[in-house]
């Protein structure tokens, strides 16, 4: 079992308060629990280890979405573009 202390802080607000969410055995994700309403979250994963790996991944270049796992680079890039456009409003 993966320890919760292996989770990085939120990449957007820096909070260390996070929730591990699960709707069924094949849908596990991590979301920021910052009371200010950050609402950052990963996409779902089949395993806790996969969800933690997604949460701990960081985009190093938004233009190319260079991340630790290329299989979810499109997800991260799409959400970053969405959040950036909403922030401009």
PDB file of N, CA and C in Angstrom:
ATOM      1  N   UNK A   1       0.847  -1.189   0.000  1.00  0.00           N
ATOM      2  CA  UNK A   1       0.000   0.000   0.000  1.00  0.00           C
ATOM      3  C   UNK A   1       0.885   1.242   0.000  1.00  0.00           C
ATOM      4  N   UNK A   2       0.500   2.221  -0.760  1.00  0.00           N
ATOM      5  CA  UNK A   2       1.268   3.445  -0.882  1.00  0.00           C
ATOM      6  C   UNK A   2       0.908   4.400   0.251  1.00  0.00           C
ATOM      7  N   UNK A   3       1.900   4.975   0.890  1.00  0.00           N
ATOM      8  CA  UNK A   3       1.668   5.905   1.993  1.00  0.00           C
ATOM      9  C   UNK A   3       1.226   7.262   1.460  1.00  0.00           C
ATOM     10  N   UNK A   4       0.315   7.908   2.196  1.00  0.00           N
ATOM     11  CA  UNK A   4      -0.184   9.220   1.789  1.00  0.00           C
ATOM     12  C   UNK A   4       0.920  10.265   1.778  1.00  0.00           C
ATOM     13  N   UNK A   5       2.009  10.044   2.555  1.00  0.00           N
ATOM     14  CA  UNK A   5       3.082  11.042   2.575  1.00  0.00           C
ATOM     15  C   UNK A   5       3.895  11.039   1.288  1.00  0.00           C
ATOM     16  N   UNK A   6       3.581  10.126   0.363  1.00  0.00           N
ATOM     17  CA  UNK A   6       4.241  10.115  -0.938  1.00  0.00           C
ATOM     18  C   UNK A   6       3.581  11.075  -1.923  1.00  0.00           C
ATOM     19  N   UNK A   7       2.478  11.693  -1.528  1.00  0.00           N
ATOM     20  CA  UNK A   7       1.784  12.633  -2.408  1.00  0.00           C
ATOM     21  C   UNK A   7       2.445  14.003  -2.357  1.00  0.00           C
ATOM     22  N   UNK A   8       2.657  14.581  -3.518  1.00  0.00           N
ATOM     23  CA  UNK A   8       3.186  15.946  -3.600  1.00  0.00           C
ATOM     24  C   UNK A   8       2.069  16.930  -3.272  1.00  0.00           C
ATOM     25  N   UNK A   9       2.455  18.159  -2.975  1.00  0.00           N
ATOM     26  CA  UNK A   9       1.456  19.199  -2.746  1.00  0.00           C
ATOM     27  C   UNK A   9       0.742  19.515  -4.058  1.00  0.00           C
ATOM     28  N   UNK A  10      -0.369  20.225  -3.967  1.00  0.00           N
ATOM     29  CA  UNK A  10      -1.137  20.579  -5.156  1.00  0.00           C
ATOM     30  C   UNK A  10      -0.279  21.427  -6.100  1.00  0.00           C
ATOM     31  N   UNK A  11      -0.251  21.092  -7.377  1.00  0.00           N
ATOM     32  CA  UNK A  11       0.562  21.857  -8.326  1.00  0.00           C
ATOM     33  C   UNK A  11       0.021  23.257  -8.605  1.00  0.00           C
ATOM     34  N   UNK A  12      -1.206  23.541  -8.203  1.00  0.00           N
ATOM     35  CA  UNK A  12      -1.806  24.832  -8.502  1.00  0.00           C
ATOM     36  C   UNK A  12      -1.850  25.766  -7.298  1.00  0.00           C
ATOM     37  N   UNK A  13      -2.240  25.236  -6.128  1.00  0.00           N
ATOM     38  CA  UNK A  13      -2.358  26.118  -4.958  1.00  0.00           C
ATOM     39  C   UNK A  13      -1.323  25.809  -3.882  1.00  0.00           C
ATOM     40  N   UNK A  14      -0.620  24.671  -3.990  1.00  0.00           N
ATOM     41  CA  UNK A  14       0.409  24.310  -3.028  1.00  0.00           C
ATOM     42  C   UNK A  14      -0.103  23.626  -1.772  1.00  0.00           C
ATOM     43  N   UNK A  15      -1.404  23.396  -1.670  1.00  0.00           N
ATOM     44  CA  UNK A  15      -1.976  22.757  -0.488  1.00  0.00           C
ATOM     45  C   UNK A  15      -1.480  21.324  -0.349  1.00  0.00           C
ATOM     46  N   UNK A  16      -1.280  20.890   0.877  1.00  0.00           N
ATOM     47  CA  UNK A  16      -0.922  19.494   1.146  1.00  0.00           C
ATOM     48  C   UNK A  16      -2.148  18.681   1.526  1.00  0.00           C
ATOM     49  N   UNK A  17      -3.311  19.318   1.544  1.00  0.00           N
ATOM     50  CA  UNK A  17      -4.559  18.621   1.854  1.00  0.00           C
ATOM     51  C   UNK A  17      -5.149  18.063   0.567  1.00  0.00           C
ATOM     52  N   UNK A  18      -5.207  16.746   0.473  1.00  0.00           N
ATOM     53  CA  UNK A  18      -5.756  16.098  -0.713  1.00  0.00           C
ATOM     54  C   UNK A  18      -6.694  14.972  -0.298  1.00  0.00           C
ATOM     55  N   UNK A  19      -7.595  14.624  -1.181  1.00  0.00           N
ATOM     56  CA  UNK A  19      -8.510  13.504  -0.978  1.00  0.00           C
ATOM     57  C   UNK A  19      -8.217  12.440  -2.019  1.00  0.00           C
ATOM     58  N   UNK A  20      -8.222  11.190  -1.596  1.00  0.00           N
ATOM     59  CA  UNK A  20      -8.175  10.070  -2.519  1.00  0.00           C
ATOM     60  C   UNK A  20      -9.626   9.639  -2.704  1.00  0.00           C
ATOM     61  N   UNK A  21     -10.098   9.696  -3.931  1.00  0.00           N
ATOM     62  CA  UNK A  21     -11.504   9.416  -4.229  1.00  0.00           C
ATOM     63  C   UNK A  21     -11.614   8.117  -5.018  1.00  0.00           C
ATOM     64  N   UNK A  22     -12.699   7.395  -4.786  1.00  0.00           N
ATOM     65  CA  UNK A  22     -12.903   6.140  -5.496  1.00  0.00           C
ATOM     66  C   UNK A  22     -14.394   5.892  -5.634  1.00  0.00           C
ATOM     67  N   UNK A  23     -14.849   5.715  -6.879  1.00  0.00           N
ATOM     68  CA  UNK A  23     -16.254   5.396  -7.102  1.00  0.00           C
ATOM     69  C   UNK A  23     -16.463   3.898  -7.249  1.00  0.00           C
ATOM     70  N   UNK A  24     -15.435   3.213  -7.728  1.00  0.00           N
ATOM     71  CA  UNK A  24     -15.465   1.754  -7.816  1.00  0.00           C
ATOM     72  C   UNK A  24     -14.021   1.276  -7.912  1.00  0.00           C
ATOM     73  N   UNK A  25     -13.820  -0.003  -8.026  1.00  0.00           N
ATOM     74  CA  UNK A  25     -12.459  -0.557  -8.021  1.00  0.00           C
ATOM     75  C   UNK A  25     -11.608  -0.063  -9.179  1.00  0.00           C
ATOM     76  N   UNK A  26     -12.213   0.445 -10.241  1.00  0.00           N
ATOM     77  CA  UNK A  26     -11.448   0.859 -11.413  1.00  0.00           C
ATOM     78  C   UNK A  26     -11.468   2.361 -11.640  1.00  0.00           C
ATOM     79  N   UNK A  27     -11.910   3.125 -10.670  1.00  0.00           N
ATOM     80  CA  UNK A  27     -11.946   4.579 -10.813  1.00  0.00           C
ATOM     81  C   UNK A  27     -11.442   5.228  -9.527  1.00  0.00           C
ATOM     82  N   UNK A  28     -10.142   5.475  -9.499  1.00  0.00           N
ATOM     83  CA  UNK A  28      -9.494   6.106  -8.353  1.00  0.00           C
ATOM     84  C   UNK A  28      -8.828   7.378  -8.846  1.00  0.00           C
ATOM     85  N   UNK A  29      -9.034   8.493  -8.132  1.00  0.00           N
ATOM     86  CA  UNK A  29      -8.380   9.742  -8.506  1.00  0.00           C
ATOM     87  C   UNK A  29      -8.052  10.525  -7.246  1.00  0.00           C
ATOM     88  N   UNK A  30      -7.234  11.549  -7.403  1.00  0.00           N
ATOM     89  CA  UNK A  30      -6.832  12.391  -6.283  1.00  0.00           C
ATOM     90  C   UNK A  30      -7.250  13.817  -6.598  1.00  0.00           C
ATOM     91  N   UNK A  31      -7.771  14.503  -5.583  1.00  0.00           N
ATOM     92  CA  UNK A  31      -8.179  15.886  -5.779  1.00  0.00           C
ATOM     93  C   UNK A  31      -7.707  16.743  -4.614  1.00  0.00           C
ATOM     94  N   UNK A  32      -7.497  18.019  -4.902  1.00  0.00           N
ATOM     95  CA  UNK A  32      -7.089  18.978  -3.892  1.00  0.00           C
ATOM     96  C   UNK A  32      -8.259  19.226  -2.942  1.00  0.00           C
ATOM     97  N   UNK A  33      -7.972  19.270  -1.650  1.00  0.00           N
ATOM     98  CA  UNK A  33      -9.014  19.501  -0.644  1.00  0.00           C
ATOM     99  C   UNK A  33      -8.876  20.879   0.001  1.00  0.00           C
ATOM    100  N   UNK A  34      -8.212  21.793  -0.686  1.00  0.00           N
ATOM    101  CA  UNK A  34      -8.037  23.147  -0.182  1.00  0.00           C
ATOM    102  C   UNK A  34      -9.409  23.786   0.018  1.00  0.00           C
ATOM    103  N   UNK A  35      -9.625  24.344   1.184  1.00  0.00           N
ATOM    104  CA  UNK A  35     -10.912  24.959   1.512  1.00  0.00           C
ATOM    105  C   UNK A  35     -11.226  26.170   0.633  1.00  0.00           C
ATOM    106  N   UNK A  36     -10.214  26.735  -0.033  1.00  0.00           N
ATOM    107  CA  UNK A  36     -10.428  27.887  -0.906  1.00  0.00           C
ATOM    108  C   UNK A  36     -11.016  27.495  -2.257  1.00  0.00           C
ATOM    109  N   UNK A  37     -11.220  26.199  -2.492  1.00  0.00           N
ATOM    110  CA  UNK A  37     -11.883  25.752  -3.711  1.00  0.00           C
ATOM    111  C   UNK A  37     -10.991  25.597  -4.915  1.00  0.00           C
ATOM    112  N   UNK A  38      -9.767  25.143  -4.744  1.00  0.00           N
ATOM    113  CA  UNK A  38      -8.854  24.939  -5.868  1.00  0.00           C
ATOM    114  C   UNK A  38      -9.438  23.940  -6.872  1.00  0.00           C
ATOM    115  N   UNK A  39      -9.930  22.814  -6.387  1.00  0.00           N
ATOM    116  CA  UNK A  39     -10.592  21.789  -7.196  1.00  0.00           C
ATOM    117  C   UNK A  39      -9.702  21.072  -8.210  1.00  0.00           C
ATOM    118  N   UNK A  40      -8.387  21.161  -8.092  1.00  0.00           N
ATOM    119  CA  UNK A  40      -7.505  20.423  -8.992  1.00  0.00           C
ATOM    120  C   UNK A  40      -7.696  18.930  -8.750  1.00  0.00           C
ATOM    121  N   UNK A  41      -7.652  18.146  -9.821  1.00  0.00           N
ATOM    122  CA  UNK A  41      -7.761  16.697  -9.674  1.00  0.00           C
ATOM    123  C   UNK A  41      -7.112  15.990 -10.839  1.00  0.00           C
ATOM    124  N   UNK A  42      -6.799  14.719 -10.604  1.00  0.00           N
ATOM    125  CA  UNK A  42      -6.233  13.902 -11.667  1.00  0.00           C
ATOM    126  C   UNK A  42      -7.375  13.251 -12.436  1.00  0.00           C
ATOM    127  N   UNK A  43      -7.048  12.639 -13.537  1.00  0.00           N
ATOM    128  CA  UNK A  43      -7.994  11.760 -14.195  1.00  0.00           C
ATOM    129  C   UNK A  43      -8.033  10.464 -13.400  1.00  0.00           C
ATOM    130  N   UNK A  44      -9.004   9.627 -13.663  1.00  0.00           N
ATOM    131  CA  UNK A  44      -9.105   8.393 -12.897  1.00  0.00           C
ATOM    132  C   UNK A  44      -8.055   7.386 -13.350  1.00  0.00           C
ATOM    133  N   UNK A  45      -7.712   6.513 -12.430  1.00  0.00           N
ATOM    134  CA  UNK A  45      -6.734   5.469 -12.667  1.00  0.00           C
ATOM    135  C   UNK A  45      -7.307   4.164 -12.150  1.00  0.00           C
ATOM    136  N   UNK A  46      -6.749   3.049 -12.602  1.00  0.00           N
ATOM    137  CA  UNK A  46      -7.204   1.739 -12.133  1.00  0.00           C
ATOM    138  C   UNK A  46      -6.640   1.384 -10.765  1.00  0.00           C
ATOM    139  N   UNK A  47      -5.555   2.065 -10.359  1.00  0.00           N
ATOM    140  CA  UNK A  47      -4.890   1.734  -9.101  1.00  0.00           C
ATOM    141  C   UNK A  47      -4.553   2.996  -8.322  1.00  0.00           C
ATOM    142  N   UNK A  48      -4.389   2.834  -7.017  1.00  0.00           N
ATOM    143  CA  UNK A  48      -3.955   3.955  -6.191  1.00  0.00           C
ATOM    144  C   UNK A  48      -2.574   4.412  -6.629  1.00  0.00           C
ATOM    145  N   UNK A  49      -1.693   3.478  -6.910  1.00  0.00           N
ATOM    146  CA  UNK A  49      -0.337   3.821  -7.362  1.00  0.00           C
ATOM    147  C   UNK A  49      -0.391   4.674  -8.633  1.00  0.00           C
ATOM    148  N   UNK A  50      -1.259   4.318  -9.569  1.00  0.00           N
ATOM    149  CA  UNK A  50      -1.400   5.092 -10.798  1.00  0.00           C
ATOM    150  C   UNK A  50      -1.938   6.492 -10.539  1.00  0.00           C
ATOM    151  N   UNK A  51      -2.907   6.602  -9.632  1.00  0.00           N
ATOM    152  CA  UNK A  51      -3.466   7.912  -9.293  1.00  0.00           C
ATOM    153  C   UNK A  51      -2.410   8.789  -8.634  1.00  0.00           C
ATOM    154  N   UNK A  52      -1.621   8.207  -7.735  1.00  0.00           N
ATOM    155  CA  UNK A  52      -0.551   8.961  -7.072  1.00  0.00           C
ATOM    156  C   UNK A  52       0.490   9.404  -8.090  1.00  0.00           C
ATOM    157  N   UNK A  53       0.815   8.517  -9.020  1.00  0.00           N
ATOM    158  CA  UNK A  53       1.801   8.855 -10.058  1.00  0.00           C
ATOM    159  C   UNK A  53       1.308  10.028 -10.902  1.00  0.00           C
ATOM    160  N   UNK A  54       0.033  10.029 -11.230  1.00  0.00           N
ATOM    161  CA  UNK A  54      -0.537  11.152 -11.990  1.00  0.00           C
ATOM    162  C   UNK A  54      -0.508  12.437 -11.174  1.00  0.00           C
ATOM    163  N   UNK A  55      -0.906  12.361  -9.894  1.00  0.00           N
ATOM    164  CA  UNK A  55      -0.924  13.546  -9.040  1.00  0.00           C
ATOM    165  C   UNK A  55       0.471  14.134  -8.894  1.00  0.00           C
ATOM    166  N   UNK A  56       1.463  13.274  -8.744  1.00  0.00           N
ATOM    167  CA  UNK A  56       2.831  13.742  -8.514  1.00  0.00           C
ATOM    168  C   UNK A  56       3.542  14.197  -9.787  1.00  0.00           C
ATOM    169  N   UNK A  57       2.973  13.897 -10.962  1.00  0.00           N
ATOM    170  CA  UNK A  57       3.569  14.348 -12.227  1.00  0.00           C
ATOM    171  C   UNK A  57       3.376  15.846 -12.368  1.00  0.00           C
ATOM    172  N   UNK A  58       4.370  16.506 -12.930  1.00  0.00           N
ATOM    173  CA  UNK A  58       4.291  17.950 -13.143  1.00  0.00           C
ATOM    174  C   UNK A  58       4.641  18.272 -14.585  1.00  0.00           C
ATOM    175  N   UNK A  59       3.905  19.187 -15.166  1.00  0.00           N
ATOM    176  CA  UNK A  59       4.189  19.637 -16.524  1.00  0.00           C
ATOM    177  C   UNK A  59       5.408  20.545 -16.459  1.00  0.00           C
ATOM    178  N   UNK A  60       6.408  20.236 -17.285  1.00  0.00           N
ATOM    179  CA  UNK A  60       7.599  21.071 -17.301  1.00  0.00           C
ATOM    180  C   UNK A  60       7.555  22.092 -18.423  1.00  0.00           C
ATOM    181  N   UNK A  61       6.734  21.852 -19.431  1.00  0.00           N
ATOM    182  CA  UNK A  61       6.595  22.773 -20.541  1.00  0.00           C
ATOM    183  C   UNK A  61       5.173  22.636 -21.069  1.00  0.00           C
ATOM    184  N   UNK A  62       4.343  23.628 -20.860  1.00  0.00           N
ATOM    185  CA  UNK A  62       2.944  23.542 -21.268  1.00  0.00           C
ATOM    186  C   UNK A  62       2.814  23.322 -22.767  1.00  0.00           C
ATOM    187  N   UNK A  63       3.699  23.903 -23.541  1.00  0.00           N
ATOM    188  CA  UNK A  63       3.602  23.789 -24.999  1.00  0.00           C
ATOM    189  C   UNK A  63       3.787  22.349 -25.454  1.00  0.00           C
ATOM    190  N   UNK A  64       4.678  21.618 -24.818  1.00  0.00           N
ATOM    191  CA  UNK A  64       4.937  20.244 -25.239  1.00  0.00           C
ATOM    192  C   UNK A  64       4.395  19.216 -24.265  1.00  0.00           C
ATOM    193  N   UNK A  65       3.913  19.670 -23.098  1.00  0.00           N
ATOM    194  CA  UNK A  65       3.362  18.782 -22.070  1.00  0.00           C
ATOM    195  C   UNK A  65       4.310  17.636 -21.763  1.00  0.00           C
ATOM    196  N   UNK A  66       5.547  17.959 -21.463  1.00  0.00           N
ATOM    197  CA  UNK A  66       6.513  16.950 -21.100  1.00  0.00           C
ATOM    198  C   UNK A  66       6.240  16.523 -19.668  1.00  0.00           C
ATOM    199  N   UNK A  67       5.807  15.299 -19.497  1.00  0.00           N
ATOM    200  CA  UNK A  67       5.470  14.775 -18.177  1.00  0.00           C
ATOM    201  C   UNK A  67       6.090  13.402 -17.989  1.00  0.00           C
ATOM    202  N   UNK A  68       6.042  12.921 -16.771  1.00  0.00           N
ATOM    203  CA  UNK A  68       6.627  11.625 -16.462  1.00  0.00           C
ATOM    204  C   UNK A  68       5.947  10.491 -17.214  1.00  0.00           C
ATOM    205  N   UNK A  69       4.648  10.581 -17.424  1.00  0.00           N
ATOM    206  CA  UNK A  69       3.900   9.544 -18.131  1.00  0.00           C
ATOM    207  C   UNK A  69       3.266  10.130 -19.374  1.00  0.00           C
ATOM    208  N   UNK A  70       3.721   9.737 -20.533  1.00  0.00           N
ATOM    209  CA  UNK A  70       3.170  10.281 -21.772  1.00  0.00           C
ATOM    210  C   UNK A  70       1.733   9.847 -22.016  1.00  0.00           C
ATOM    211  N   UNK A  71       1.267   8.775 -21.374  1.00  0.00           N
ATOM    212  CA  UNK A  71      -0.088   8.307 -21.634  1.00  0.00           C
ATOM    213  C   UNK A  71      -1.160   9.245 -21.093  1.00  0.00           C
ATOM    214  N   UNK A  72      -0.809  10.171 -20.228  1.00  0.00           N
ATOM    215  CA  UNK A  72      -1.808  11.129 -19.768  1.00  0.00           C
ATOM    216  C   UNK A  72      -1.405  12.573 -20.062  1.00  0.00           C
ATOM    217  N   UNK A  73      -0.450  12.756 -20.936  1.00  0.00           N
ATOM    218  CA  UNK A  73      -0.016  14.106 -21.299  1.00  0.00           C
ATOM    219  C   UNK A  73      -1.140  14.901 -21.952  1.00  0.00           C
ATOM    220  N   UNK A  74      -1.929  14.249 -22.802  1.00  0.00           N
ATOM    221  CA  UNK A  74      -3.035  14.946 -23.463  1.00  0.00           C
ATOM    222  C   UNK A  74      -4.067  15.424 -22.456  1.00  0.00           C
ATOM    223  N   UNK A  75      -4.359  14.596 -21.451  1.00  0.00           N
ATOM    224  CA  UNK A  75      -5.301  14.975 -20.402  1.00  0.00           C
ATOM    225  C   UNK A  75      -4.813  16.212 -19.665  1.00  0.00           C
ATOM    226  N   UNK A  76      -3.553  16.215 -19.259  1.00  0.00           N
ATOM    227  CA  UNK A  76      -2.999  17.339 -18.510  1.00  0.00           C
ATOM    228  C   UNK A  76      -2.983  18.602 -19.365  1.00  0.00           C
ATOM    229  N   UNK A  77      -2.553  18.483 -20.593  1.00  0.00           N
ATOM    230  CA  UNK A  77      -2.492  19.642 -21.491  1.00  0.00           C
ATOM    231  C   UNK A  77      -3.883  20.231 -21.707  1.00  0.00           C
ATOM    232  N   UNK A  78      -4.869  19.373 -21.950  1.00  0.00           N
ATOM    233  CA  UNK A  78      -6.242  19.834 -22.179  1.00  0.00           C
ATOM    234  C   UNK A  78      -6.770  20.585 -20.954  1.00  0.00           C
ATOM    235  N   UNK A  79      -6.554  20.025 -19.767  1.00  0.00           N
ATOM    236  CA  UNK A  79      -7.042  20.677 -18.559  1.00  0.00           C
ATOM    237  C   UNK A  79      -6.296  21.973 -18.265  1.00  0.00           C
ATOM    238  N   UNK A  80      -4.999  22.014 -18.526  1.00  0.00           N
ATOM    239  CA  UNK A  80      -4.254  23.257 -18.319  1.00  0.00           C
ATOM    240  C   UNK A  80      -4.771  24.361 -19.232  1.00  0.00           C
ATOM    241  N   UNK A  81      -5.044  24.014 -20.480  1.00  0.00           N
ATOM    242  CA  UNK A  81      -5.593  25.008 -21.404  1.00  0.00           C
ATOM    243  C   UNK A  81      -6.959  25.495 -20.934  1.00  0.00           C
ATOM    244  N   UNK A  82      -7.793  24.561 -20.437  1.00  0.00           N
ATOM    245  CA  UNK A  82      -9.114  24.929 -19.928  1.00  0.00           C
ATOM    246  C   UNK A  82      -8.975  25.865 -18.736  1.00  0.00           C
ATOM    247  N   UNK A  83      -8.132  25.510 -17.770  1.00  0.00           N
ATOM    248  CA  UNK A  83      -7.966  26.328 -16.572  1.00  0.00           C
ATOM    249  C   UNK A  83      -7.397  27.697 -16.923  1.00  0.00           C
ATOM    250  N   UNK A  84      -6.461  27.740 -17.861  1.00  0.00           N
ATOM    251  CA  UNK A  84      -5.873  29.034 -18.245  1.00  0.00           C
ATOM    252  C   UNK A  84      -6.920  29.923 -18.900  1.00  0.00           C
ATOM    253  N   UNK A  85      -7.784  29.339 -19.772  1.00  0.00           N
ATOM    254  CA  UNK A  85      -8.799  30.149 -20.430  1.00  0.00           C
ATOM    255  C   UNK A  85      -9.844  30.631 -19.435  1.00  0.00           C
ATOM    256  N   UNK A  86     -10.200  29.793 -18.457  1.00  0.00           N
ATOM    257  CA  UNK A  86     -11.171  30.213 -17.446  1.00  0.00           C
ATOM    258  C   UNK A  86     -10.595  31.286 -16.538  1.00  0.00           C
ATOM    259  N   UNK A  87      -9.295  31.223 -16.259  1.00  0.00           N
ATOM    260  CA  UNK A  87      -8.659  32.205 -15.400  1.00  0.00           C
ATOM    261  C   UNK A  87      -8.618  33.587 -16.045  1.00  0.00           C
ATOM    262  N   UNK A  88      -8.612  33.636 -17.377  1.00  0.00           N
ATOM    263  CA  UNK A  88      -8.558  34.906 -18.102  1.00  0.00           C
ATOM    264  C   UNK A  88      -9.895  35.627 -18.103  1.00  0.00           C
ATOM    265  N   UNK A  89     -10.956  34.902 -17.767  1.00  0.00           N
ATOM    266  CA  UNK A  89     -12.308  35.497 -17.808  1.00  0.00           C
ATOM    267  C   UNK A  89     -12.529  36.435 -16.667  1.00  0.00           C
TER     268      UNK A  89
END
